[in-house]
Amino acid sequence: MIRFALTFAVMASAAEAQSIKLNEAEITILLSGNTAVGDWDGVPYRQYFAPDGTTIFAQENARSARGNWRVEGEEYQSIWPGDAEWKGWFVMEYAGQWFWVSKSTPPTPFDVLQGEQLVEQ
């Protein structure tokens, strides 16, 4: 798991944990060229965010999906084949853990691995 200098930039205090919503530049630095790893609806996943705006979502025993990603304002956004519009999530940091947050889903924790790591190494 990567520990970016960004972690220190967004943490108010190591002794006092606060949730911090990342801004456009921080989200871009965190995701671009890296892989998010977590559970989505109870199923482990890996998602790579290419610097060119391409993203690949992979889960075991399922075909990988290729879409596009961007950061607009304070939201990470993605669009997938068959989607009519971009869907967005805030990216939050709390006590050293990253979270996807939206109005329609509970906060979902994830880790970030450096580079493209769609296959467990």
PDB file of N, CA and C in Angstrom:
ATOM      1  N   MET A   1       0.842  -1.167   0.000  1.00  0.00           N
ATOM      2  CA  MET A   1       0.000   0.000   0.000  1.00  0.00           C
ATOM      3  C   MET A   1       0.889   1.231   0.000  1.00  0.00           C
ATOM      4  N   ILE A   2       0.488   2.204  -0.760  1.00  0.00           N
ATOM      5  CA  ILE A   2       1.259   3.435  -0.875  1.00  0.00           C
ATOM      6  C   ILE A   2       0.933   4.380   0.257  1.00  0.00           C
ATOM      7  N   ARG A   3       1.907   5.020   0.751  1.00  0.00           N
ATOM      8  CA  ARG A   3       1.705   6.132   1.681  1.00  0.00           C
ATOM      9  C   ARG A   3       2.306   7.355   1.006  1.00  0.00           C
ATOM     10  N   PHE A   4       1.466   8.143   0.408  1.00  0.00           N
ATOM     11  CA  PHE A   4       1.891   9.327  -0.320  1.00  0.00           C
ATOM     12  C   PHE A   4       2.211  10.461   0.642  1.00  0.00           C
ATOM     13  N   ALA A   5       3.017  11.410   0.180  1.00  0.00           N
ATOM     14  CA  ALA A   5       3.200  12.653   0.916  1.00  0.00           C
ATOM     15  C   ALA A   5       1.841  13.331   1.061  1.00  0.00           C
ATOM     16  N   LEU A   6       0.948  13.012   0.136  1.00  0.00           N
ATOM     17  CA  LEU A   6      -0.414  13.543   0.170  1.00  0.00           C
ATOM     18  C   LEU A   6      -1.101  13.204   1.483  1.00  0.00           C
ATOM     19  N   THR A   7      -0.822  12.036   2.035  1.00  0.00           N
ATOM     20  CA  THR A   7      -1.438  11.643   3.296  1.00  0.00           C
ATOM     21  C   THR A   7      -1.170  12.704   4.352  1.00  0.00           C
ATOM     22  N   PHE A   8       0.045  13.178   4.402  1.00  0.00           N
ATOM     23  CA  PHE A   8       0.406  14.171   5.403  1.00  0.00           C
ATOM     24  C   PHE A   8      -0.197  15.530   5.086  1.00  0.00           C
ATOM     25  N   ALA A   9      -0.371  15.819   3.815  1.00  0.00           N
ATOM     26  CA  ALA A   9      -0.946  17.097   3.422  1.00  0.00           C
ATOM     27  C   ALA A   9      -2.417  17.195   3.786  1.00  0.00           C
ATOM     28  N   VAL A  10      -3.145  16.065   3.771  1.00  0.00           N
ATOM     29  CA  VAL A  10      -4.580  16.110   4.044  1.00  0.00           C
ATOM     30  C   VAL A  10      -4.939  15.751   5.476  1.00  0.00           C
ATOM     31  N   MET A  11      -3.983  15.284   6.248  1.00  0.00           N
ATOM     32  CA  MET A  11      -4.271  14.944   7.646  1.00  0.00           C
ATOM     33  C   MET A  11      -4.115  16.185   8.512  1.00  0.00           C
ATOM     34  N   ALA A  12      -5.127  16.503   9.284  1.00  0.00           N
ATOM     35  CA  ALA A  12      -5.072  17.673  10.150  1.00  0.00           C
ATOM     36  C   ALA A  12      -4.126  17.427  11.322  1.00  0.00           C
ATOM     37  N   SER A  13      -4.173  16.217  11.869  1.00  0.00           N
ATOM     38  CA  SER A  13      -3.339  15.891  13.012  1.00  0.00           C
ATOM     39  C   SER A  13      -3.339  14.383  13.205  1.00  0.00           C
ATOM     40  N   ALA A  14      -2.183  13.827  13.475  1.00  0.00           N
ATOM     41  CA  ALA A  14      -2.112  12.385  13.702  1.00  0.00           C
ATOM     42  C   ALA A  14      -2.823  12.004  14.996  1.00  0.00           C
ATOM     43  N   ALA A  15      -2.829  12.905  15.958  1.00  0.00           N
ATOM     44  CA  ALA A  15      -3.446  12.608  17.239  1.00  0.00           C
ATOM     45  C   ALA A  15      -4.963  12.772  17.206  1.00  0.00           C
ATOM     46  N   GLU A  16      -5.465  13.616  16.328  1.00  0.00           N
ATOM     47  CA  GLU A  16      -6.897  13.886  16.273  1.00  0.00           C
ATOM     48  C   GLU A  16      -7.414  13.549  14.883  1.00  0.00           C
ATOM     49  N   ALA A  17      -8.046  12.383  14.740  1.00  0.00           N
ATOM     50  CA  ALA A  17      -8.520  11.923  13.433  1.00  0.00           C
ATOM     51  C   ALA A  17      -9.732  12.731  12.989  1.00  0.00           C
ATOM     52  N   GLN A  18      -9.665  13.204  11.750  1.00  0.00           N
ATOM     53  CA  GLN A  18     -10.766  13.930  11.132  1.00  0.00           C
ATOM     54  C   GLN A  18     -10.964  13.369   9.739  1.00  0.00           C
ATOM     55  N   SER A  19     -12.193  13.385   9.263  1.00  0.00           N
ATOM     56  CA  SER A  19     -12.396  12.989   7.870  1.00  0.00           C
ATOM     57  C   SER A  19     -12.106  14.205   7.004  1.00  0.00           C
ATOM     58  N   ILE A  20     -11.365  13.976   5.946  1.00  0.00           N
ATOM     59  CA  ILE A  20     -10.939  15.032   5.037  1.00  0.00           C
ATOM     60  C   ILE A  20     -11.418  14.681   3.636  1.00  0.00           C
ATOM     61  N   LYS A  21     -12.134  15.595   2.981  1.00  0.00           N
ATOM     62  CA  LYS A  21     -12.542  15.393   1.591  1.00  0.00           C
ATOM     63  C   LYS A  21     -11.420  15.916   0.700  1.00  0.00           C
ATOM     64  N   LEU A  22     -10.924  15.042  -0.200  1.00  0.00           N
ATOM     65  CA  LEU A  22      -9.848  15.448  -1.087  1.00  0.00           C
ATOM     66  C   LEU A  22     -10.364  16.399  -2.156  1.00  0.00           C
ATOM     67  N   ASN A  23      -9.481  17.297  -2.588  1.00  0.00           N
ATOM     68  CA  ASN A  23      -9.842  18.218  -3.669  1.00  0.00           C
ATOM     69  C   ASN A  23      -9.391  17.636  -5.011  1.00  0.00           C
ATOM     70  N   GLU A  24      -9.644  18.353  -6.078  1.00  0.00           N
ATOM     71  CA  GLU A  24      -9.366  17.869  -7.431  1.00  0.00           C
ATOM     72  C   GLU A  24      -7.916  17.429  -7.608  1.00  0.00           C
ATOM     73  N   ALA A  25      -6.972  18.260  -7.195  1.00  0.00           N
ATOM     74  CA  ALA A  25      -5.548  17.931  -7.367  1.00  0.00           C
ATOM     75  C   ALA A  25      -5.162  16.716  -6.533  1.00  0.00           C
ATOM     76  N   GLU A  26      -5.662  16.625  -5.296  1.00  0.00           N
ATOM     77  CA  GLU A  26      -5.325  15.511  -4.428  1.00  0.00           C
ATOM     78  C   GLU A  26      -5.877  14.188  -4.959  1.00  0.00           C
ATOM     79  N   ILE A  27      -7.099  14.200  -5.482  1.00  0.00           N
ATOM     80  CA  ILE A  27      -7.683  12.982  -6.057  1.00  0.00           C
ATOM     81  C   ILE A  27      -6.870  12.539  -7.270  1.00  0.00           C
ATOM     82  N   THR A  28      -6.508  13.483  -8.108  1.00  0.00           N
ATOM     83  CA  THR A  28      -5.731  13.166  -9.310  1.00  0.00           C
ATOM     84  C   THR A  28      -4.386  12.564  -8.940  1.00  0.00           C
ATOM     85  N   ILE A  29      -3.700  13.147  -7.967  1.00  0.00           N
ATOM     86  CA  ILE A  29      -2.404  12.620  -7.523  1.00  0.00           C
ATOM     87  C   ILE A  29      -2.561  11.216  -6.944  1.00  0.00           C
ATOM     88  N   LEU A  30      -3.591  11.010  -6.145  1.00  0.00           N
ATOM     89  CA  LEU A  30      -3.814   9.718  -5.505  1.00  0.00           C
ATOM     90  C   LEU A  30      -4.089   8.606  -6.514  1.00  0.00           C
ATOM     91  N   LEU A  31      -4.962   8.867  -7.491  1.00  0.00           N
ATOM     92  CA  LEU A  31      -5.424   7.807  -8.389  1.00  0.00           C
ATOM     93  C   LEU A  31      -4.600   7.642  -9.667  1.00  0.00           C
ATOM     94  N   SER A  32      -4.162   8.712 -10.270  1.00  0.00           N
ATOM     95  CA  SER A  32      -3.540   8.651 -11.599  1.00  0.00           C
ATOM     96  C   SER A  32      -2.316   7.733 -11.639  1.00  0.00           C
ATOM     97  N   GLY A  33      -2.409   6.706 -12.464  1.00  0.00           N
ATOM     98  CA  GLY A  33      -1.313   5.750 -12.626  1.00  0.00           C
ATOM     99  C   GLY A  33      -1.256   4.697 -11.530  1.00  0.00           C
ATOM    100  N   ASN A  34      -2.284   4.633 -10.683  1.00  0.00           N
ATOM    101  CA  ASN A  34      -2.284   3.701  -9.555  1.00  0.00           C
ATOM    102  C   ASN A  34      -3.520   2.804  -9.572  1.00  0.00           C
ATOM    103  N   THR A  35      -3.543   1.852  -8.645  1.00  0.00           N
ATOM    104  CA  THR A  35      -4.600   0.854  -8.559  1.00  0.00           C
ATOM    105  C   THR A  35      -5.278   0.925  -7.191  1.00  0.00           C
ATOM    106  N   ALA A  36      -6.605   1.041  -7.188  1.00  0.00           N
ATOM    107  CA  ALA A  36      -7.389   0.971  -5.950  1.00  0.00           C
ATOM    108  C   ALA A  36      -7.764  -0.481  -5.708  1.00  0.00           C
ATOM    109  N   VAL A  37      -7.721  -0.893  -4.438  1.00  0.00           N
ATOM    110  CA  VAL A  37      -8.038  -2.264  -4.057  1.00  0.00           C
ATOM    111  C   VAL A  37      -9.011  -2.212  -2.883  1.00  0.00           C
ATOM    112  N   GLY A  38     -10.104  -2.962  -3.003  1.00  0.00           N
ATOM    113  CA  GLY A  38     -11.073  -2.990  -1.913  1.00  0.00           C
ATOM    114  C   GLY A  38     -12.151  -4.012  -2.171  1.00  0.00           C
ATOM    115  N   ASP A  39     -13.275  -3.862  -1.485  1.00  0.00           N
ATOM    116  CA  ASP A  39     -14.454  -4.704  -1.677  1.00  0.00           C
ATOM    117  C   ASP A  39     -15.596  -3.816  -2.129  1.00  0.00           C
ATOM    118  N   TRP A  40     -16.296  -4.223  -3.186  1.00  0.00           N
ATOM    119  CA  TRP A  40     -17.463  -3.503  -3.664  1.00  0.00           C
ATOM    120  C   TRP A  40     -18.644  -4.446  -3.547  1.00  0.00           C
ATOM    121  N   ASP A  41     -19.603  -4.091  -2.724  1.00  0.00           N
ATOM    122  CA  ASP A  41     -20.753  -4.964  -2.441  1.00  0.00           C
ATOM    123  C   ASP A  41     -20.298  -6.347  -1.988  1.00  0.00           C
ATOM    124  N   GLY A  42     -19.229  -6.375  -1.181  1.00  0.00           N
ATOM    125  CA  GLY A  42     -18.735  -7.629  -0.624  1.00  0.00           C
ATOM    126  C   GLY A  42     -17.856  -8.451  -1.540  1.00  0.00           C
ATOM    127  N   VAL A  43     -17.548  -7.944  -2.731  1.00  0.00           N
ATOM    128  CA  VAL A  43     -16.717  -8.679  -3.691  1.00  0.00           C
ATOM    129  C   VAL A  43     -15.394  -7.925  -3.881  1.00  0.00           C
ATOM    130  N   PRO A  44     -14.245  -8.600  -3.659  1.00  0.00           N
ATOM    131  CA  PRO A  44     -12.955  -7.935  -3.854  1.00  0.00           C
ATOM    132  C   PRO A  44     -12.781  -7.443  -5.290  1.00  0.00           C
ATOM    133  N   TYR A  45     -12.166  -6.257  -5.422  1.00  0.00           N
ATOM    134  CA  TYR A  45     -11.920  -5.688  -6.749  1.00  0.00           C
ATOM    135  C   TYR A  45     -10.567  -4.997  -6.770  1.00  0.00           C
ATOM    136  N   ARG A  46     -10.111  -4.748  -7.983  1.00  0.00           N
ATOM    137  CA  ARG A  46      -8.950  -3.908  -8.259  1.00  0.00           C
ATOM    138  C   ARG A  46      -9.341  -2.995  -9.403  1.00  0.00           C
ATOM    139  N   GLN A  47      -8.987  -1.714  -9.294  1.00  0.00           N
ATOM    140  CA  GLN A  47      -9.305  -0.772 -10.360  1.00  0.00           C
ATOM    141  C   GLN A  47      -8.094   0.099 -10.640  1.00  0.00           C
ATOM    142  N   TYR A  48      -7.642   0.030 -11.899  1.00  0.00           N
ATOM    143  CA  TYR A  48      -6.486   0.812 -12.331  1.00  0.00           C
ATOM    144  C   TYR A  48      -6.957   2.093 -12.994  1.00  0.00           C
ATOM    145  N   PHE A  49      -6.282   3.204 -12.680  1.00  0.00           N
ATOM    146  CA  PHE A  49      -6.609   4.530 -13.211  1.00  0.00           C
ATOM    147  C   PHE A  49      -5.442   5.032 -14.060  1.00  0.00           C
ATOM    148  N   ALA A  50      -5.520   4.811 -15.367  1.00  0.00           N
ATOM    149  CA  ALA A  50      -4.443   5.232 -16.264  1.00  0.00           C
ATOM    150  C   ALA A  50      -4.397   6.759 -16.346  1.00  0.00           C
ATOM    151  N   PRO A  51      -3.201   7.322 -16.500  1.00  0.00           N
ATOM    152  CA  PRO A  51      -3.080   8.775 -16.613  1.00  0.00           C
ATOM    153  C   PRO A  51      -3.845   9.363 -17.806  1.00  0.00           C
ATOM    154  N   ASP A  52      -4.125   8.544 -18.828  1.00  0.00           N
ATOM    155  CA  ASP A  52      -4.831   9.046 -20.016  1.00  0.00           C
ATOM    156  C   ASP A  52      -6.354   9.083 -19.841  1.00  0.00           C
ATOM    157  N   GLY A  53      -6.855   8.724 -18.644  1.00  0.00           N
ATOM    158  CA  GLY A  53      -8.291   8.760 -18.394  1.00  0.00           C
ATOM    159  C   GLY A  53      -9.005   7.432 -18.593  1.00  0.00           C
ATOM    160  N   THR A  54      -8.264   6.392 -18.943  1.00  0.00           N
ATOM    161  CA  THR A  54      -8.842   5.051 -19.063  1.00  0.00           C
ATOM    162  C   THR A  54      -8.812   4.396 -17.683  1.00  0.00           C
ATOM    163  N   THR A  55      -9.826   3.609 -17.367  1.00  0.00           N
ATOM    164  CA  THR A  55      -9.832   2.855 -16.117  1.00  0.00           C
ATOM    165  C   THR A  55     -10.263   1.421 -16.400  1.00  0.00           C
ATOM    166  N   ILE A  56      -9.692   0.488 -15.643  1.00  0.00           N
ATOM    167  CA  ILE A  56     -10.032  -0.928 -15.784  1.00  0.00           C
ATOM    168  C   ILE A  56     -10.450  -1.441 -14.409  1.00  0.00           C
ATOM    169  N   PHE A  57     -11.644  -2.023 -14.341  1.00  0.00           N
ATOM    170  CA  PHE A  57     -12.204  -2.575 -13.111  1.00  0.00           C
ATOM    171  C   PHE A  57     -12.152  -4.089 -13.226  1.00  0.00           C
ATOM    172  N   ALA A  58     -11.502  -4.752 -12.270  1.00  0.00           N
ATOM    173  CA  ALA A  58     -11.329  -6.201 -12.335  1.00  0.00           C
ATOM    174  C   ALA A  58     -11.768  -6.866 -11.035  1.00  0.00           C
ATOM    175  N   GLN A  59     -12.500  -7.968 -11.180  1.00  0.00           N
ATOM    176  CA  GLN A  59     -12.880  -8.820 -10.059  1.00  0.00           C
ATOM    177  C   GLN A  59     -12.600 -10.262 -10.461  1.00  0.00           C
ATOM    178  N   GLU A  60     -12.308 -11.106  -9.467  1.00  0.00           N
ATOM    179  CA  GLU A  60     -12.064 -12.512  -9.755  1.00  0.00           C
ATOM    180  C   GLU A  60     -13.288 -13.149 -10.392  1.00  0.00           C
ATOM    181  N   ASN A  61     -13.043 -14.075 -11.306  1.00  0.00           N
ATOM    182  CA  ASN A  61     -14.103 -14.838 -11.972  1.00  0.00           C
ATOM    183  C   ASN A  61     -15.100 -13.965 -12.722  1.00  0.00           C
ATOM    184  N   ALA A  62     -14.665 -12.803 -13.172  1.00  0.00           N
ATOM    185  CA  ALA A  62     -15.525 -11.915 -13.953  1.00  0.00           C
ATOM    186  C   ALA A  62     -14.675 -11.239 -15.023  1.00  0.00           C
ATOM    187  N   ARG A  63     -15.310 -10.891 -16.104  1.00  0.00           N
ATOM    188  CA  ARG A  63     -14.620 -10.188 -17.177  1.00  0.00           C
ATOM    189  C   ARG A  63     -14.320  -8.759 -16.735  1.00  0.00           C
ATOM    190  N   SER A  64     -13.110  -8.287 -16.986  1.00  0.00           N
ATOM    191  CA  SER A  64     -12.742  -6.914 -16.633  1.00  0.00           C
ATOM    192  C   SER A  64     -13.545  -5.932 -17.465  1.00  0.00           C
ATOM    193  N   ALA A  65     -13.816  -4.776 -16.883  1.00  0.00           N
ATOM    194  CA  ALA A  65     -14.539  -3.717 -17.583  1.00  0.00           C
ATOM    195  C   ALA A  65     -13.596  -2.546 -17.810  1.00  0.00           C
ATOM    196  N   ARG A  66     -13.672  -1.975 -19.017  1.00  0.00           N
ATOM    197  CA  ARG A  66     -12.854  -0.808 -19.359  1.00  0.00           C
ATOM    198  C   ARG A  66     -13.785   0.385 -19.521  1.00  0.00           C
ATOM    199  N   GLY A  67     -13.454   1.466 -18.830  1.00  0.00           N
ATOM    200  CA  GLY A  67     -14.237   2.687 -18.909  1.00  0.00           C
ATOM    201  C   GLY A  67     -13.329   3.899 -18.923  1.00  0.00           C
ATOM    202  N   ASN A  68     -13.874   5.021 -18.536  1.00  0.00           N
ATOM    203  CA  ASN A  68     -13.105   6.256 -18.459  1.00  0.00           C
ATOM    204  C   ASN A  68     -13.303   6.890 -17.095  1.00  0.00           C
ATOM    205  N   TRP A  69     -12.299   7.634 -16.661  1.00  0.00           N
ATOM    206  CA  TRP A  69     -12.371   8.327 -15.380  1.00  0.00           C
ATOM    207  C   TRP A  69     -11.876   9.750 -15.549  1.00  0.00           C
ATOM    208  N   ARG A  70     -12.332  10.603 -14.626  1.00  0.00           N
ATOM    209  CA  ARG A  70     -11.897  11.996 -14.599  1.00  0.00           C
ATOM    210  C   ARG A  70     -12.157  12.532 -13.194  1.00  0.00           C
ATOM    211  N   VAL A  71     -11.634  13.714 -12.948  1.00  0.00           N
ATOM    212  CA  VAL A  71     -11.922  14.412 -11.694  1.00  0.00           C
ATOM    213  C   VAL A  71     -12.523  15.750 -12.068  1.00  0.00           C
ATOM    214  N   GLU A  72     -13.715  15.998 -11.560  1.00  0.00           N
ATOM    215  CA  GLU A  72     -14.433  17.252 -11.794  1.00  0.00           C
ATOM    216  C   GLU A  72     -14.709  17.884 -10.438  1.00  0.00           C
ATOM    217  N   GLY A  73     -14.118  19.044 -10.198  1.00  0.00           N
ATOM    218  CA  GLY A  73     -14.295  19.678  -8.892  1.00  0.00           C
ATOM    219  C   GLY A  73     -13.739  18.785  -7.812  1.00  0.00           C
ATOM    220  N   GLU A  74     -14.570  18.404  -6.871  1.00  0.00           N
ATOM    221  CA  GLU A  74     -14.136  17.555  -5.767  1.00  0.00           C
ATOM    222  C   GLU A  74     -14.634  16.117  -5.911  1.00  0.00           C
ATOM    223  N   GLU A  75     -14.968  15.708  -7.137  1.00  0.00           N
ATOM    224  CA  GLU A  75     -15.483  14.354  -7.367  1.00  0.00           C
ATOM    225  C   GLU A  75     -14.609  13.555  -8.325  1.00  0.00           C
ATOM    226  N   TYR A  76     -14.365  12.289  -7.948  1.00  0.00           N
ATOM    227  CA  TYR A  76     -13.886  11.304  -8.908  1.00  0.00           C
ATOM    228  C   TYR A  76     -15.123  10.879  -9.689  1.00  0.00           C
ATOM    229  N   GLN A  77     -15.012  10.797 -11.013  1.00  0.00           N
ATOM    230  CA  GLN A  77     -16.143  10.371 -11.839  1.00  0.00           C
ATOM    231  C   GLN A  77     -15.691   9.285 -12.801  1.00  0.00           C
ATOM    232  N   SER A  78     -16.635   8.371 -13.103  1.00  0.00           N
ATOM    233  CA  SER A  78     -16.361   7.330 -14.091  1.00  0.00           C
ATOM    234  C   SER A  78     -17.582   7.129 -14.964  1.00  0.00           C
ATOM    235  N   ILE A  79     -17.321   6.608 -16.167  1.00  0.00           N
ATOM    236  CA  ILE A  79     -18.384   6.227 -17.091  1.00  0.00           C
ATOM    237  C   ILE A  79     -17.965   4.913 -17.733  1.00  0.00           C
ATOM    238  N   TRP A  80     -18.940   4.017 -17.891  1.00  0.00           N
ATOM    239  CA  TRP A  80     -18.682   2.668 -18.393  1.00  0.00           C
ATOM    240  C   TRP A  80     -19.515   2.428 -19.635  1.00  0.00           C
ATOM    241  N   PRO A  81     -19.116   1.492 -20.502  1.00  0.00           N
ATOM    242  CA  PRO A  81     -19.929   1.192 -21.685  1.00  0.00           C
ATOM    243  C   PRO A  81     -21.373   0.909 -21.279  1.00  0.00           C
ATOM    244  N   GLY A  82     -22.293   1.522 -21.978  1.00  0.00           N
ATOM    245  CA  GLY A  82     -23.705   1.346 -21.675  1.00  0.00           C
ATOM    246  C   GLY A  82     -24.270   2.384 -20.721  1.00  0.00           C
ATOM    247  N   ASP A  83     -23.405   3.122 -20.019  1.00  0.00           N
ATOM    248  CA  ASP A  83     -23.881   4.179 -19.129  1.00  0.00           C
ATOM    249  C   ASP A  83     -24.232   5.418 -19.948  1.00  0.00           C
ATOM    250  N   ALA A  84     -25.267   6.109 -19.531  1.00  0.00           N
ATOM    251  CA  ALA A  84     -25.679   7.328 -20.223  1.00  0.00           C
ATOM    252  C   ALA A  84     -24.975   8.564 -19.676  1.00  0.00           C
ATOM    253  N   GLU A  85     -24.521   8.482 -18.437  1.00  0.00           N
ATOM    254  CA  GLU A  85     -23.884   9.664 -17.852  1.00  0.00           C
ATOM    255  C   GLU A  85     -22.795   9.265 -16.864  1.00  0.00           C
ATOM    256  N   TRP A  86     -21.932  10.220 -16.550  1.00  0.00           N
ATOM    257  CA  TRP A  86     -20.864  10.026 -15.585  1.00  0.00           C
ATOM    258  C   TRP A  86     -21.459   9.890 -14.196  1.00  0.00           C
ATOM    259  N   LYS A  87     -20.868   9.013 -13.361  1.00  0.00           N
ATOM    260  CA  LYS A  87     -21.264   8.859 -11.961  1.00  0.00           C
ATOM    261  C   LYS A  87     -20.099   9.310 -11.089  1.00  0.00           C
ATOM    262  N   GLY A  88     -20.410  10.013  -9.998  1.00  0.00           N
ATOM    263  CA  GLY A  88     -19.351  10.591  -9.183  1.00  0.00           C
ATOM    264  C   GLY A  88     -19.356  10.148  -7.732  1.00  0.00           C
ATOM    265  N   TRP A  89     -18.164  10.175  -7.150  1.00  0.00           N
ATOM    266  CA  TRP A  89     -17.950   9.869  -5.739  1.00  0.00           C
ATOM    267  C   TRP A  89     -16.955  10.876  -5.187  1.00  0.00           C
ATOM    268  N   PHE A  90     -17.141  11.233  -3.941  1.00  0.00           N
ATOM    269  CA  PHE A  90     -16.110  11.987  -3.239  1.00  0.00           C
ATOM    270  C   PHE A  90     -15.067  10.985  -2.779  1.00  0.00           C
ATOM    271  N   VAL A  91     -13.841  11.448  -2.612  1.00  0.00           N
ATOM    272  CA  VAL A  91     -12.785  10.621  -2.045  1.00  0.00           C
ATOM    273  C   VAL A  91     -12.426  11.260  -0.705  1.00  0.00           C
ATOM    274  N   MET A  92     -12.530  10.454   0.335  1.00  0.00           N
ATOM    275  CA  MET A  92     -12.268  10.936   1.685  1.00  0.00           C
ATOM    276  C   MET A  92     -11.104  10.160   2.291  1.00  0.00           C
ATOM    277  N   GLU A  93     -10.447  10.812   3.250  1.00  0.00           N
ATOM    278  CA  GLU A  93      -9.415  10.152   4.039  1.00  0.00           C
ATOM    279  C   GLU A  93      -9.832  10.281   5.490  1.00  0.00           C
ATOM    280  N   TYR A  94      -9.779   9.166   6.212  1.00  0.00           N
ATOM    281  CA  TYR A  94     -10.073   9.189   7.640  1.00  0.00           C
ATOM    282  C   TYR A  94      -9.123   8.238   8.347  1.00  0.00           C
ATOM    283  N   ALA A  95      -8.363   8.762   9.272  1.00  0.00           N
ATOM    284  CA  ALA A  95      -7.443   7.954  10.089  1.00  0.00           C
ATOM    285  C   ALA A  95      -6.535   7.068   9.235  1.00  0.00           C
ATOM    286  N   GLY A  96      -6.039   7.623   8.138  1.00  0.00           N
ATOM    287  CA  GLY A  96      -5.111   6.890   7.276  1.00  0.00           C
ATOM    288  C   GLY A  96      -5.752   5.938   6.288  1.00  0.00           C
ATOM    289  N   GLN A  97      -7.074   5.929   6.196  1.00  0.00           N
ATOM    290  CA  GLN A  97      -7.800   5.041   5.278  1.00  0.00           C
ATOM    291  C   GLN A  97      -8.538   5.878   4.242  1.00  0.00           C
ATOM    292  N   TRP A  98      -8.533   5.420   2.982  1.00  0.00           N
ATOM    293  CA  TRP A  98      -9.254   6.093   1.896  1.00  0.00           C
ATOM    294  C   TRP A  98     -10.662   5.526   1.791  1.00  0.00           C
ATOM    295  N   PHE A  99     -11.628   6.370   1.394  1.00  0.00           N
ATOM    296  CA  PHE A  99     -13.018   5.959   1.239  1.00  0.00           C
ATOM    297  C   PHE A  99     -13.636   6.569  -0.007  1.00  0.00           C
ATOM    298  N   TRP A 100     -14.450   5.784  -0.735  1.00  0.00           N
ATOM    299  CA  TRP A 100     -15.348   6.302  -1.764  1.00  0.00           C
ATOM    300  C   TRP A 100     -16.619   6.704  -1.025  1.00  0.00           C
ATOM    301  N   VAL A 101     -17.159   7.877  -1.304  1.00  0.00           N
ATOM    302  CA  VAL A 101     -18.365   8.333  -0.622  1.00  0.00           C
ATOM    303  C   VAL A 101     -19.312   8.956  -1.643  1.00  0.00           C
ATOM    304  N   SER A 102     -20.578   8.525  -1.599  1.00  0.00           N
ATOM    305  CA  SER A 102     -21.603   9.135  -2.451  1.00  0.00           C
ATOM    306  C   SER A 102     -22.880   9.296  -1.644  1.00  0.00           C
ATOM    307  N   LYS A 103     -23.851   9.968  -2.236  1.00  0.00           N
ATOM    308  CA  LYS A 103     -25.135  10.155  -1.559  1.00  0.00           C
ATOM    309  C   LYS A 103     -25.934   8.858  -1.493  1.00  0.00           C
ATOM    310  N   SER A 104     -25.649   7.923  -2.407  1.00  0.00           N
ATOM    311  CA  SER A 104     -26.467   6.709  -2.488  1.00  0.00           C
ATOM    312  C   SER A 104     -25.799   5.442  -1.946  1.00  0.00           C
ATOM    313  N   THR A 105     -24.549   5.532  -1.518  1.00  0.00           N
ATOM    314  CA  THR A 105     -23.856   4.352  -1.000  1.00  0.00           C
ATOM    315  C   THR A 105     -23.165   4.696   0.317  1.00  0.00           C
ATOM    316  N   PRO A 106     -22.996   3.718   1.201  1.00  0.00           N
ATOM    317  CA  PRO A 106     -22.244   3.984   2.430  1.00  0.00           C
ATOM    318  C   PRO A 106     -20.768   4.193   2.088  1.00  0.00           C
ATOM    319  N   PRO A 107     -19.996   4.859   2.954  1.00  0.00           N
ATOM    320  CA  PRO A 107     -18.556   5.000   2.698  1.00  0.00           C
ATOM    321  C   PRO A 107     -17.918   3.630   2.490  1.00  0.00           C
ATOM    322  N   THR A 108     -17.135   3.512   1.439  1.00  0.00           N
ATOM    323  CA  THR A 108     -16.528   2.238   1.069  1.00  0.00           C
ATOM    324  C   THR A 108     -15.006   2.385   1.110  1.00  0.00           C
ATOM    325  N   PRO A 109     -14.321   1.683   2.029  1.00  0.00           N
ATOM    326  CA  PRO A 109     -12.868   1.827   2.158  1.00  0.00           C
ATOM    327  C   PRO A 109     -12.116   1.181   0.990  1.00  0.00           C
ATOM    328  N   PHE A 110     -10.949   1.747   0.693  1.00  0.00           N
ATOM    329  CA  PHE A 110     -10.059   1.159  -0.314  1.00  0.00           C
ATOM    330  C   PHE A 110      -8.623   1.529   0.012  1.00  0.00           C
ATOM    331  N   ASP A 111      -7.704   0.748  -0.531  1.00  0.00           N
ATOM    332  CA  ASP A 111      -6.273   1.023  -0.443  1.00  0.00           C
ATOM    333  C   ASP A 111      -5.786   1.390  -1.829  1.00  0.00           C
ATOM    334  N   VAL A 112      -4.614   1.991  -1.894  1.00  0.00           N
ATOM    335  CA  VAL A 112      -4.025   2.361  -3.181  1.00  0.00           C
ATOM    336  C   VAL A 112      -2.660   1.697  -3.301  1.00  0.00           C
ATOM    337  N   LEU A 113      -2.468   1.006  -4.430  1.00  0.00           N
ATOM    338  CA  LEU A 113      -1.190   0.380  -4.763  1.00  0.00           C
ATOM    339  C   LEU A 113      -0.534   1.185  -5.871  1.00  0.00           C
ATOM    340  N   GLN A 114       0.768   1.326  -5.810  1.00  0.00           N
ATOM    341  CA  GLN A 114       1.483   2.089  -6.818  1.00  0.00           C
ATOM    342  C   GLN A 114       1.498   1.337  -8.145  1.00  0.00           C
ATOM    343  N   GLY A 115       1.172   2.060  -9.215  1.00  0.00           N
ATOM    344  CA  GLY A 115       1.234   1.495 -10.553  1.00  0.00           C
ATOM    345  C   GLY A 115       0.038   0.631 -10.895  1.00  0.00           C
ATOM    346  N   GLU A 116       0.147  -0.062 -12.024  1.00  0.00           N
ATOM    347  CA  GLU A 116      -0.923  -0.947 -12.510  1.00  0.00           C
ATOM    348  C   GLU A 116      -0.714  -2.310 -11.857  1.00  0.00           C
ATOM    349  N   GLN A 117      -1.630  -2.680 -10.959  1.00  0.00           N
ATOM    350  CA  GLN A 117      -1.546  -3.951 -10.254  1.00  0.00           C
ATOM    351  C   GLN A 117      -2.914  -4.628 -10.255  1.00  0.00           C
ATOM    352  N   LEU A 118      -3.392  -4.919 -11.453  1.00  0.00           N
ATOM    353  CA  LEU A 118      -4.687  -5.566 -11.583  1.00  0.00           C
ATOM    354  C   LEU A 118      -4.653  -7.029 -11.140  1.00  0.00           C
ATOM    355  N   VAL A 119      -3.479  -7.606 -11.153  1.00  0.00           N
ATOM    356  CA  VAL A 119      -3.299  -8.985 -10.689  1.00  0.00           C
ATOM    357  C   VAL A 119      -2.508  -8.930  -9.389  1.00  0.00           C
ATOM    358  N   GLU A 120      -2.977  -9.676  -8.385  1.00  0.00           N
ATOM    359  CA  GLU A 120      -2.297  -9.680  -7.090  1.00  0.00           C
ATOM    360  C   GLU A 120      -0.872 -10.148  -7.272  1.00  0.00           C
ATOM    361  N   GLN A 121       0.047  -9.448  -6.638  1.00  0.00           N
ATOM    362  CA  GLN A 121       1.475  -9.774  -6.809  1.00  0.00           C
ATOM    363  C   GLN A 121       2.080 -10.303  -5.547  1.00  0.00           C
TER     364      GLN A 121
END
